[in-house]
Amino acid sequence: MSRSNGRPEPEVIMNFADGFSYSKGKMEEAFRPGGLLEKAAPAKAAKDPAVAALKRDDIDLVVHEFEIPRAQAEKALVENGGDLEKTLRALVNL
């Protein structure tokens, strides 16, 4: 294991010809719920007033339980009048 600036080199999954390499720990963190991918994505302002009226907790619940994109969860909630129970039933019956 070589050292760089006094620290051990991270575990590398693969070195590429262009010089880039990927750390296993960082890759696992990126794909964990709430990991790097979700933190890196900037929050977009809601343009549609119907989407703005939805509760953030309801949207988050639908996104995490059904593992669907946020936009799809918002669309499902808007189609069901913002009613969480109705939206969950509609998504289960798809």
PDB file of N, CA and C in Angstrom:
ATOM      1  N   MET A   1       0.847  -1.165   0.000  1.00  0.00           N
ATOM      2  CA  MET A   1       0.000   0.000   0.000  1.00  0.00           C
ATOM      3  C   MET A   1       0.899   1.236   0.000  1.00  0.00           C
ATOM      4  N   SER A   2       0.780   2.069  -1.011  1.00  0.00           N
ATOM      5  CA  SER A   2       1.599   3.273  -1.067  1.00  0.00           C
ATOM      6  C   SER A   2       0.946   4.391  -0.272  1.00  0.00           C
ATOM      7  N   ARG A   3       1.738   5.345   0.109  1.00  0.00           N
ATOM      8  CA  ARG A   3       1.225   6.455   0.906  1.00  0.00           C
ATOM      9  C   ARG A   3       1.356   7.750   0.137  1.00  0.00           C
ATOM     10  N   SER A   4       0.392   8.613   0.341  1.00  0.00           N
ATOM     11  CA  SER A   4       0.382   9.921  -0.291  1.00  0.00           C
ATOM     12  C   SER A   4       0.099  10.947   0.801  1.00  0.00           C
ATOM     13  N   ASN A   5       1.015  11.862   1.039  1.00  0.00           N
ATOM     14  CA  ASN A   5       0.859  12.884   2.084  1.00  0.00           C
ATOM     15  C   ASN A   5       0.621  12.277   3.459  1.00  0.00           C
ATOM     16  N   GLY A   6       1.230  11.139   3.746  1.00  0.00           N
ATOM     17  CA  GLY A   6       1.118  10.536   5.060  1.00  0.00           C
ATOM     18  C   GLY A   6      -0.132   9.699   5.260  1.00  0.00           C
ATOM     19  N   ARG A   7      -1.026   9.659   4.283  1.00  0.00           N
ATOM     20  CA  ARG A   7      -2.241   8.870   4.405  1.00  0.00           C
ATOM     21  C   ARG A   7      -2.146   7.636   3.516  1.00  0.00           C
ATOM     22  N   PRO A   8      -2.774   6.544   3.947  1.00  0.00           N
ATOM     23  CA  PRO A   8      -2.782   5.363   3.070  1.00  0.00           C
ATOM     24  C   PRO A   8      -3.687   5.623   1.868  1.00  0.00           C
ATOM     25  N   GLU A   9      -3.350   5.032   0.746  1.00  0.00           N
ATOM     26  CA  GLU A   9      -4.145   5.188  -0.468  1.00  0.00           C
ATOM     27  C   GLU A   9      -5.472   4.449  -0.288  1.00  0.00           C
ATOM     28  N   PRO A  10      -6.609   5.052  -0.729  1.00  0.00           N
ATOM     29  CA  PRO A  10      -7.888   4.377  -0.558  1.00  0.00           C
ATOM     30  C   PRO A  10      -7.968   3.117  -1.407  1.00  0.00           C
ATOM     31  N   GLU A  11      -8.856   2.212  -0.993  1.00  0.00           N
ATOM     32  CA  GLU A  11      -9.052   0.990  -1.755  1.00  0.00           C
ATOM     33  C   GLU A  11      -9.607   1.367  -3.130  1.00  0.00           C
ATOM     34  N   VAL A  12      -8.976   0.884  -4.173  1.00  0.00           N
ATOM     35  CA  VAL A  12      -9.362   1.254  -5.525  1.00  0.00           C
ATOM     36  C   VAL A  12     -10.084   0.099  -6.187  1.00  0.00           C
ATOM     37  N   ILE A  13     -11.228   0.414  -6.804  1.00  0.00           N
ATOM     38  CA  ILE A  13     -11.968  -0.597  -7.541  1.00  0.00           C
ATOM     39  C   ILE A  13     -11.289  -0.840  -8.881  1.00  0.00           C
ATOM     40  N   MET A  14     -10.991   0.248  -9.604  1.00  0.00           N
ATOM     41  CA  MET A  14     -10.402   0.097 -10.921  1.00  0.00           C
ATOM     42  C   MET A  14      -9.661   1.369 -11.291  1.00  0.00           C
ATOM     43  N   ASN A  15      -8.493   1.237 -11.878  1.00  0.00           N
ATOM     44  CA  ASN A  15      -7.767   2.371 -12.431  1.00  0.00           C
ATOM     45  C   ASN A  15      -8.048   2.428 -13.923  1.00  0.00           C
ATOM     46  N   PHE A  16      -8.359   3.604 -14.432  1.00  0.00           N
ATOM     47  CA  PHE A  16      -8.655   3.767 -15.839  1.00  0.00           C
ATOM     48  C   PHE A  16      -7.468   4.397 -16.556  1.00  0.00           C
ATOM     49  N   ALA A  17      -7.418   4.262 -17.878  1.00  0.00           N
ATOM     50  CA  ALA A  17      -6.304   4.772 -18.689  1.00  0.00           C
ATOM     51  C   ALA A  17      -6.163   6.286 -18.576  1.00  0.00           C
ATOM     52  N   ASP A  18      -7.263   6.995 -18.337  1.00  0.00           N
ATOM     53  CA  ASP A  18      -7.183   8.451 -18.233  1.00  0.00           C
ATOM     54  C   ASP A  18      -6.693   8.916 -16.864  1.00  0.00           C
ATOM     55  N   GLY A  19      -6.392   7.973 -15.954  1.00  0.00           N
ATOM     56  CA  GLY A  19      -5.821   8.335 -14.658  1.00  0.00           C
ATOM     57  C   GLY A  19      -6.816   8.375 -13.524  1.00  0.00           C
ATOM     58  N   PHE A  20      -8.100   8.246 -13.807  1.00  0.00           N
ATOM     59  CA  PHE A  20      -9.100   8.279 -12.750  1.00  0.00           C
ATOM     60  C   PHE A  20      -9.225   6.905 -12.095  1.00  0.00           C
ATOM     61  N   SER A  21      -9.556   6.920 -10.811  1.00  0.00           N
ATOM     62  CA  SER A  21      -9.809   5.680 -10.088  1.00  0.00           C
ATOM     63  C   SER A  21     -10.962   5.945  -9.126  1.00  0.00           C
ATOM     64  N   TYR A  22     -11.599   4.886  -8.665  1.00  0.00           N
ATOM     65  CA  TYR A  22     -12.766   5.030  -7.819  1.00  0.00           C
ATOM     66  C   TYR A  22     -12.581   4.264  -6.514  1.00  0.00           C
ATOM     67  N   SER A  23     -12.920   4.922  -5.421  1.00  0.00           N
ATOM     68  CA  SER A  23     -12.812   4.325  -4.102  1.00  0.00           C
ATOM     69  C   SER A  23     -14.084   3.536  -3.794  1.00  0.00           C
ATOM     70  N   LYS A  24     -13.928   2.325  -3.303  1.00  0.00           N
ATOM     71  CA  LYS A  24     -15.068   1.462  -2.989  1.00  0.00           C
ATOM     72  C   LYS A  24     -15.972   2.122  -1.950  1.00  0.00           C
ATOM     73  N   GLY A  25     -15.390   2.689  -0.930  1.00  0.00           N
ATOM     74  CA  GLY A  25     -16.176   3.323   0.128  1.00  0.00           C
ATOM     75  C   GLY A  25     -17.025   4.475  -0.388  1.00  0.00           C
ATOM     76  N   LYS A  26     -16.452   5.306  -1.237  1.00  0.00           N
ATOM     77  CA  LYS A  26     -17.203   6.441  -1.773  1.00  0.00           C
ATOM     78  C   LYS A  26     -18.288   5.975  -2.740  1.00  0.00           C
ATOM     79  N   MET A  27     -18.027   4.926  -3.498  1.00  0.00           N
ATOM     80  CA  MET A  27     -19.039   4.403  -4.410  1.00  0.00           C
ATOM     81  C   MET A  27     -20.214   3.831  -3.619  1.00  0.00           C
ATOM     82  N   GLU A  28     -19.932   3.110  -2.536  1.00  0.00           N
ATOM     83  CA  GLU A  28     -21.007   2.562  -1.715  1.00  0.00           C
ATOM     84  C   GLU A  28     -21.822   3.678  -1.080  1.00  0.00           C
ATOM     85  N   GLU A  29     -21.154   4.732  -0.617  1.00  0.00           N
ATOM     86  CA  GLU A  29     -21.844   5.854   0.003  1.00  0.00           C
ATOM     87  C   GLU A  29     -22.733   6.581  -1.007  1.00  0.00           C
ATOM     88  N   ALA A  30     -22.276   6.672  -2.248  1.00  0.00           N
ATOM     89  CA  ALA A  30     -23.039   7.369  -3.281  1.00  0.00           C
ATOM     90  C   ALA A  30     -24.353   6.672  -3.581  1.00  0.00           C
ATOM     91  N   PHE A  31     -24.394   5.350  -3.455  1.00  0.00           N
ATOM     92  CA  PHE A  31     -25.596   4.615  -3.791  1.00  0.00           C
ATOM     93  C   PHE A  31     -26.442   4.260  -2.582  1.00  0.00           C
ATOM     94  N   ARG A  32     -26.037   4.682  -1.409  1.00  0.00           N
ATOM     95  CA  ARG A  32     -26.811   4.473  -0.195  1.00  0.00           C
ATOM     96  C   ARG A  32     -27.907   5.547  -0.150  1.00  0.00           C
ATOM     97  N   PRO A  33     -29.118   5.256   0.353  1.00  0.00           N
ATOM     98  CA  PRO A  33     -30.148   6.296   0.459  1.00  0.00           C
ATOM     99  C   PRO A  33     -29.626   7.485   1.260  1.00  0.00           C
ATOM    100  N   GLY A  34     -29.793   8.668   0.725  1.00  0.00           N
ATOM    101  CA  GLY A  34     -29.294   9.870   1.374  1.00  0.00           C
ATOM    102  C   GLY A  34     -27.809  10.071   1.169  1.00  0.00           C
ATOM    103  N   GLY A  35     -27.215   9.342   0.235  1.00  0.00           N
ATOM    104  CA  GLY A  35     -25.773   9.413  -0.027  1.00  0.00           C
ATOM    105  C   GLY A  35     -25.388  10.604  -0.878  1.00  0.00           C
ATOM    106  N   LEU A  36     -24.247  10.510  -1.502  1.00  0.00           N
ATOM    107  CA  LEU A  36     -23.692  11.610  -2.267  1.00  0.00           C
ATOM    108  C   LEU A  36     -24.586  12.055  -3.415  1.00  0.00           C
ATOM    109  N   LEU A  37     -25.255  11.126  -4.077  1.00  0.00           N
ATOM    110  CA  LEU A  37     -26.070  11.484  -5.233  1.00  0.00           C
ATOM    111  C   LEU A  37     -27.214  12.408  -4.853  1.00  0.00           C
ATOM    112  N   GLU A  38     -27.870  12.145  -3.748  1.00  0.00           N
ATOM    113  CA  GLU A  38     -28.971  12.996  -3.324  1.00  0.00           C
ATOM    114  C   GLU A  38     -28.477  14.324  -2.776  1.00  0.00           C
ATOM    115  N   LYS A  39     -27.329  14.330  -2.138  1.00  0.00           N
ATOM    116  CA  LYS A  39     -26.776  15.568  -1.600  1.00  0.00           C
ATOM    117  C   LYS A  39     -26.279  16.480  -2.711  1.00  0.00           C
ATOM    118  N   ALA A  40     -25.757  15.893  -3.789  1.00  0.00           N
ATOM    119  CA  ALA A  40     -25.190  16.679  -4.869  1.00  0.00           C
ATOM    120  C   ALA A  40     -26.255  17.302  -5.750  1.00  0.00           C
ATOM    121  N   ALA A  41     -27.429  16.714  -5.811  1.00  0.00           N
ATOM    122  CA  ALA A  41     -28.484  17.241  -6.668  1.00  0.00           C
ATOM    123  C   ALA A  41     -29.057  18.511  -6.043  1.00  0.00           C
ATOM    124  N   PRO A  42     -29.004  19.641  -6.771  1.00  0.00           N
ATOM    125  CA  PRO A  42     -29.540  20.888  -6.221  1.00  0.00           C
ATOM    126  C   PRO A  42     -31.061  20.843  -6.159  1.00  0.00           C
ATOM    127  N   ALA A  43     -31.611  21.438  -5.125  1.00  0.00           N
ATOM    128  CA  ALA A  43     -33.062  21.472  -4.981  1.00  0.00           C
ATOM    129  C   ALA A  43     -33.641  22.438  -5.997  1.00  0.00           C
ATOM    130  N   LYS A  44     -34.631  21.969  -6.749  1.00  0.00           N
ATOM    131  CA  LYS A  44     -35.262  22.804  -7.767  1.00  0.00           C
ATOM    132  C   LYS A  44     -36.506  23.436  -7.173  1.00  0.00           C
ATOM    133  N   ALA A  45     -36.747  24.676  -7.551  1.00  0.00           N
ATOM    134  CA  ALA A  45     -37.929  25.373  -7.082  1.00  0.00           C
ATOM    135  C   ALA A  45     -39.150  24.841  -7.822  1.00  0.00           C
ATOM    136  N   ALA A  46     -40.235  24.656  -7.110  1.00  0.00           N
ATOM    137  CA  ALA A  46     -41.460  24.150  -7.716  1.00  0.00           C
ATOM    138  C   ALA A  46     -42.096  25.252  -8.560  1.00  0.00           C
ATOM    139  N   LYS A  47     -42.332  24.969  -9.825  1.00  0.00           N
ATOM    140  CA  LYS A  47     -42.918  25.950 -10.724  1.00  0.00           C
ATOM    141  C   LYS A  47     -44.436  25.841 -10.722  1.00  0.00           C
ATOM    142  N   ASP A  48     -44.947  24.638 -10.588  1.00  0.00           N
ATOM    143  CA  ASP A  48     -46.380  24.395 -10.623  1.00  0.00           C
ATOM    144  C   ASP A  48     -46.965  24.668  -9.240  1.00  0.00           C
ATOM    145  N   PRO A  49     -48.012  25.507  -9.148  1.00  0.00           N
ATOM    146  CA  PRO A  49     -48.598  25.789  -7.828  1.00  0.00           C
ATOM    147  C   PRO A  49     -49.190  24.540  -7.162  1.00  0.00           C
ATOM    148  N   ALA A  50     -49.657  23.584  -7.967  1.00  0.00           N
ATOM    149  CA  ALA A  50     -50.212  22.353  -7.381  1.00  0.00           C
ATOM    150  C   ALA A  50     -49.111  21.563  -6.685  1.00  0.00           C
ATOM    151  N   VAL A  51     -47.909  21.558  -7.260  1.00  0.00           N
ATOM    152  CA  VAL A  51     -46.779  20.854  -6.654  1.00  0.00           C
ATOM    153  C   VAL A  51     -46.323  21.589  -5.398  1.00  0.00           C
ATOM    154  N   ALA A  52     -46.374  22.911  -5.421  1.00  0.00           N
ATOM    155  CA  ALA A  52     -45.951  23.703  -4.268  1.00  0.00           C
ATOM    156  C   ALA A  52     -46.869  23.465  -3.061  1.00  0.00           C
ATOM    157  N   ALA A  53     -48.136  23.102  -3.321  1.00  0.00           N
ATOM    158  CA  ALA A  53     -49.090  22.890  -2.235  1.00  0.00           C
ATOM    159  C   ALA A  53     -48.909  21.526  -1.564  1.00  0.00           C
ATOM    160  N   LEU A  54     -48.152  20.628  -2.176  1.00  0.00           N
ATOM    161  CA  LEU A  54     -47.956  19.296  -1.603  1.00  0.00           C
ATOM    162  C   LEU A  54     -47.031  19.352  -0.388  1.00  0.00           C
ATOM    163  N   LYS A  55     -47.265  18.447   0.545  1.00  0.00           N
ATOM    164  CA  LYS A  55     -46.408  18.368   1.732  1.00  0.00           C
ATOM    165  C   LYS A  55     -45.120  17.642   1.375  1.00  0.00           C
ATOM    166  N   ARG A  56     -44.013  18.184   1.817  1.00  0.00           N
ATOM    167  CA  ARG A  56     -42.706  17.588   1.538  1.00  0.00           C
ATOM    168  C   ARG A  56     -42.606  16.176   2.129  1.00  0.00           C
ATOM    169  N   ASP A  57     -43.169  15.989   3.313  1.00  0.00           N
ATOM    170  CA  ASP A  57     -43.127  14.670   3.958  1.00  0.00           C
ATOM    171  C   ASP A  57     -43.869  13.625   3.129  1.00  0.00           C
ATOM    172  N   ASP A  58     -44.997  14.034   2.528  1.00  0.00           N
ATOM    173  CA  ASP A  58     -45.763  13.105   1.692  1.00  0.00           C
ATOM    174  C   ASP A  58     -44.958  12.696   0.461  1.00  0.00           C
ATOM    175  N   ILE A  59     -44.319  13.665  -0.170  1.00  0.00           N
ATOM    176  CA  ILE A  59     -43.507  13.391  -1.362  1.00  0.00           C
ATOM    177  C   ILE A  59     -42.358  12.466  -0.998  1.00  0.00           C
ATOM    178  N   ASP A  60     -41.666  12.773   0.096  1.00  0.00           N
ATOM    179  CA  ASP A  60     -40.529  11.949   0.534  1.00  0.00           C
ATOM    180  C   ASP A  60     -40.968  10.518   0.835  1.00  0.00           C
ATOM    181  N   LEU A  61     -42.125  10.351   1.458  1.00  0.00           N
ATOM    182  CA  LEU A  61     -42.631   9.019   1.776  1.00  0.00           C
ATOM    183  C   LEU A  61     -42.862   8.209   0.500  1.00  0.00           C
ATOM    184  N   VAL A  62     -43.507   8.819  -0.488  1.00  0.00           N
ATOM    185  CA  VAL A  62     -43.791   8.120  -1.745  1.00  0.00           C
ATOM    186  C   VAL A  62     -42.486   7.773  -2.463  1.00  0.00           C
ATOM    187  N   VAL A  63     -41.541   8.722  -2.488  1.00  0.00           N
ATOM    188  CA  VAL A  63     -40.257   8.494  -3.162  1.00  0.00           C
ATOM    189  C   VAL A  63     -39.518   7.327  -2.526  1.00  0.00           C
ATOM    190  N   HIS A  64     -39.437   7.292  -1.211  1.00  0.00           N
ATOM    191  CA  HIS A  64     -38.646   6.264  -0.525  1.00  0.00           C
ATOM    192  C   HIS A  64     -39.351   4.900  -0.494  1.00  0.00           C
ATOM    193  N   GLU A  65     -40.653   4.886  -0.356  1.00  0.00           N
ATOM    194  CA  GLU A  65     -41.369   3.618  -0.269  1.00  0.00           C
ATOM    195  C   GLU A  65     -41.482   2.921  -1.625  1.00  0.00           C
ATOM    196  N   PHE A  66     -41.684   3.701  -2.681  1.00  0.00           N
ATOM    197  CA  PHE A  66     -41.864   3.100  -4.001  1.00  0.00           C
ATOM    198  C   PHE A  66     -40.607   3.170  -4.855  1.00  0.00           C
ATOM    199  N   GLU A  67     -39.568   3.815  -4.333  1.00  0.00           N
ATOM    200  CA  GLU A  67     -38.299   3.970  -5.041  1.00  0.00           C
ATOM    201  C   GLU A  67     -38.517   4.496  -6.453  1.00  0.00           C
ATOM    202  N   ILE A  68     -39.246   5.619  -6.532  1.00  0.00           N
ATOM    203  CA  ILE A  68     -39.507   6.275  -7.804  1.00  0.00           C
ATOM    204  C   ILE A  68     -38.909   7.675  -7.753  1.00  0.00           C
ATOM    205  N   PRO A  69     -38.683   8.297  -8.911  1.00  0.00           N
ATOM    206  CA  PRO A  69     -38.138   9.659  -8.921  1.00  0.00           C
ATOM    207  C   PRO A  69     -39.109  10.654  -8.274  1.00  0.00           C
ATOM    208  N   ARG A  70     -38.546  11.723  -7.752  1.00  0.00           N
ATOM    209  CA  ARG A  70     -39.334  12.744  -7.064  1.00  0.00           C
ATOM    210  C   ARG A  70     -40.417  13.334  -7.979  1.00  0.00           C
ATOM    211  N   ALA A  71     -40.072  13.577  -9.239  1.00  0.00           N
ATOM    212  CA  ALA A  71     -41.038  14.151 -10.174  1.00  0.00           C
ATOM    213  C   ALA A  71     -42.236  13.225 -10.370  1.00  0.00           C
ATOM    214  N   GLN A  72     -41.991  11.929 -10.431  1.00  0.00           N
ATOM    215  CA  GLN A  72     -43.076  10.966 -10.596  1.00  0.00           C
ATOM    216  C   GLN A  72     -43.952  10.923  -9.341  1.00  0.00           C
ATOM    217  N   ALA A  73     -43.343  11.029  -8.183  1.00  0.00           N
ATOM    218  CA  ALA A  73     -44.103  11.046  -6.932  1.00  0.00           C
ATOM    219  C   ALA A  73     -44.969  12.304  -6.849  1.00  0.00           C
ATOM    220  N   GLU A  74     -44.414  13.448  -7.245  1.00  0.00           N
ATOM    221  CA  GLU A  74     -45.186  14.696  -7.247  1.00  0.00           C
ATOM    222  C   GLU A  74     -46.369  14.591  -8.205  1.00  0.00           C
ATOM    223  N   LYS A  75     -46.121  14.028  -9.393  1.00  0.00           N
ATOM    224  CA  LYS A  75     -47.181  13.879 -10.387  1.00  0.00           C
ATOM    225  C   LYS A  75     -48.306  12.994  -9.843  1.00  0.00           C
ATOM    226  N   ALA A  76     -47.944  11.889  -9.195  1.00  0.00           N
ATOM    227  CA  ALA A  76     -48.948  10.979  -8.640  1.00  0.00           C
ATOM    228  C   ALA A  76     -49.769  11.675  -7.556  1.00  0.00           C
ATOM    229  N   LEU A  77     -49.114  12.459  -6.711  1.00  0.00           N
ATOM    230  CA  LEU A  77     -49.839  13.174  -5.654  1.00  0.00           C
ATOM    231  C   LEU A  77     -50.758  14.234  -6.238  1.00  0.00           C
ATOM    232  N   VAL A  78     -50.316  14.951  -7.272  1.00  0.00           N
ATOM    233  CA  VAL A  78     -51.148  15.976  -7.898  1.00  0.00           C
ATOM    234  C   VAL A  78     -52.374  15.328  -8.545  1.00  0.00           C
ATOM    235  N   GLU A  79     -52.165  14.179  -9.217  1.00  0.00           N
ATOM    236  CA  GLU A  79     -53.277  13.478  -9.871  1.00  0.00           C
ATOM    237  C   GLU A  79     -54.325  13.008  -8.859  1.00  0.00           C
ATOM    238  N   ASN A  80     -53.904  12.768  -7.628  1.00  0.00           N
ATOM    239  CA  ASN A  80     -54.823  12.298  -6.584  1.00  0.00           C
ATOM    240  C   ASN A  80     -55.196  13.403  -5.605  1.00  0.00           C
ATOM    241  N   GLY A  81     -55.055  14.632  -6.026  1.00  0.00           N
ATOM    242  CA  GLY A  81     -55.487  15.771  -5.216  1.00  0.00           C
ATOM    243  C   GLY A  81     -54.696  15.983  -3.950  1.00  0.00           C
ATOM    244  N   GLY A  82     -53.470  15.492  -3.884  1.00  0.00           N
ATOM    245  CA  GLY A  82     -52.634  15.671  -2.706  1.00  0.00           C
ATOM    246  C   GLY A  82     -52.970  14.718  -1.575  1.00  0.00           C
ATOM    247  N   ASP A  83     -53.914  13.827  -1.801  1.00  0.00           N
ATOM    248  CA  ASP A  83     -54.324  12.847  -0.782  1.00  0.00           C
ATOM    249  C   ASP A  83     -53.320  11.702  -0.767  1.00  0.00           C
ATOM    250  N   LEU A  84     -52.586  11.564   0.313  1.00  0.00           N
ATOM    251  CA  LEU A  84     -51.533  10.566   0.416  1.00  0.00           C
ATOM    252  C   LEU A  84     -52.088   9.150   0.346  1.00  0.00           C
ATOM    253  N   GLU A  85     -53.161   8.872   1.078  1.00  0.00           N
ATOM    254  CA  GLU A  85     -53.726   7.521   1.083  1.00  0.00           C
ATOM    255  C   GLU A  85     -54.199   7.117  -0.315  1.00  0.00           C
ATOM    256  N   LYS A  86     -54.866   8.015  -0.996  1.00  0.00           N
ATOM    257  CA  LYS A  86     -55.347   7.739  -2.353  1.00  0.00           C
ATOM    258  C   LYS A  86     -54.173   7.502  -3.308  1.00  0.00           C
ATOM    259  N   THR A  87     -53.118   8.275  -3.156  1.00  0.00           N
ATOM    260  CA  THR A  87     -51.928   8.138  -4.003  1.00  0.00           C
ATOM    261  C   THR A  87     -51.249   6.789  -3.761  1.00  0.00           C
ATOM    262  N   LEU A  88     -51.102   6.394  -2.496  1.00  0.00           N
ATOM    263  CA  LEU A  88     -50.479   5.121  -2.182  1.00  0.00           C
ATOM    264  C   LEU A  88     -51.282   3.950  -2.751  1.00  0.00           C
ATOM    265  N   ARG A  89     -52.588   4.028  -2.632  1.00  0.00           N
ATOM    266  CA  ARG A  89     -53.448   2.978  -3.175  1.00  0.00           C
ATOM    267  C   ARG A  89     -53.326   2.906  -4.702  1.00  0.00           C
ATOM    268  N   ALA A  90     -53.266   4.068  -5.363  1.00  0.00           N
ATOM    269  CA  ALA A  90     -53.150   4.107  -6.817  1.00  0.00           C
ATOM    270  C   ALA A  90     -51.816   3.517  -7.269  1.00  0.00           C
ATOM    271  N   LEU A  91     -50.740   3.811  -6.559  1.00  0.00           N
ATOM    272  CA  LEU A  91     -49.427   3.305  -6.932  1.00  0.00           C
ATOM    273  C   LEU A  91     -49.307   1.798  -6.671  1.00  0.00           C
ATOM    274  N   VAL A  92     -49.951   1.310  -5.634  1.00  0.00           N
ATOM    275  CA  VAL A  92     -49.908  -0.120  -5.337  1.00  0.00           C
ATOM    276  C   VAL A  92     -50.675  -0.897  -6.391  1.00  0.00           C
ATOM    277  N   ASN A  93     -51.762  -0.337  -6.887  1.00  0.00           N
ATOM    278  CA  ASN A  93     -52.611  -1.031  -7.851  1.00  0.00           C
ATOM    279  C   ASN A  93     -52.138  -0.891  -9.296  1.00  0.00           C
ATOM    280  N   LEU A  94     -51.002  -0.288  -9.538  1.00  0.00           N
ATOM    281  CA  LEU A  94     -50.514  -0.135 -10.925  1.00  0.00           C
ATOM    282  C   LEU A  94     -50.188  -1.451 -11.545  1.00  0.00           C
TER     283      LEU A  94
END
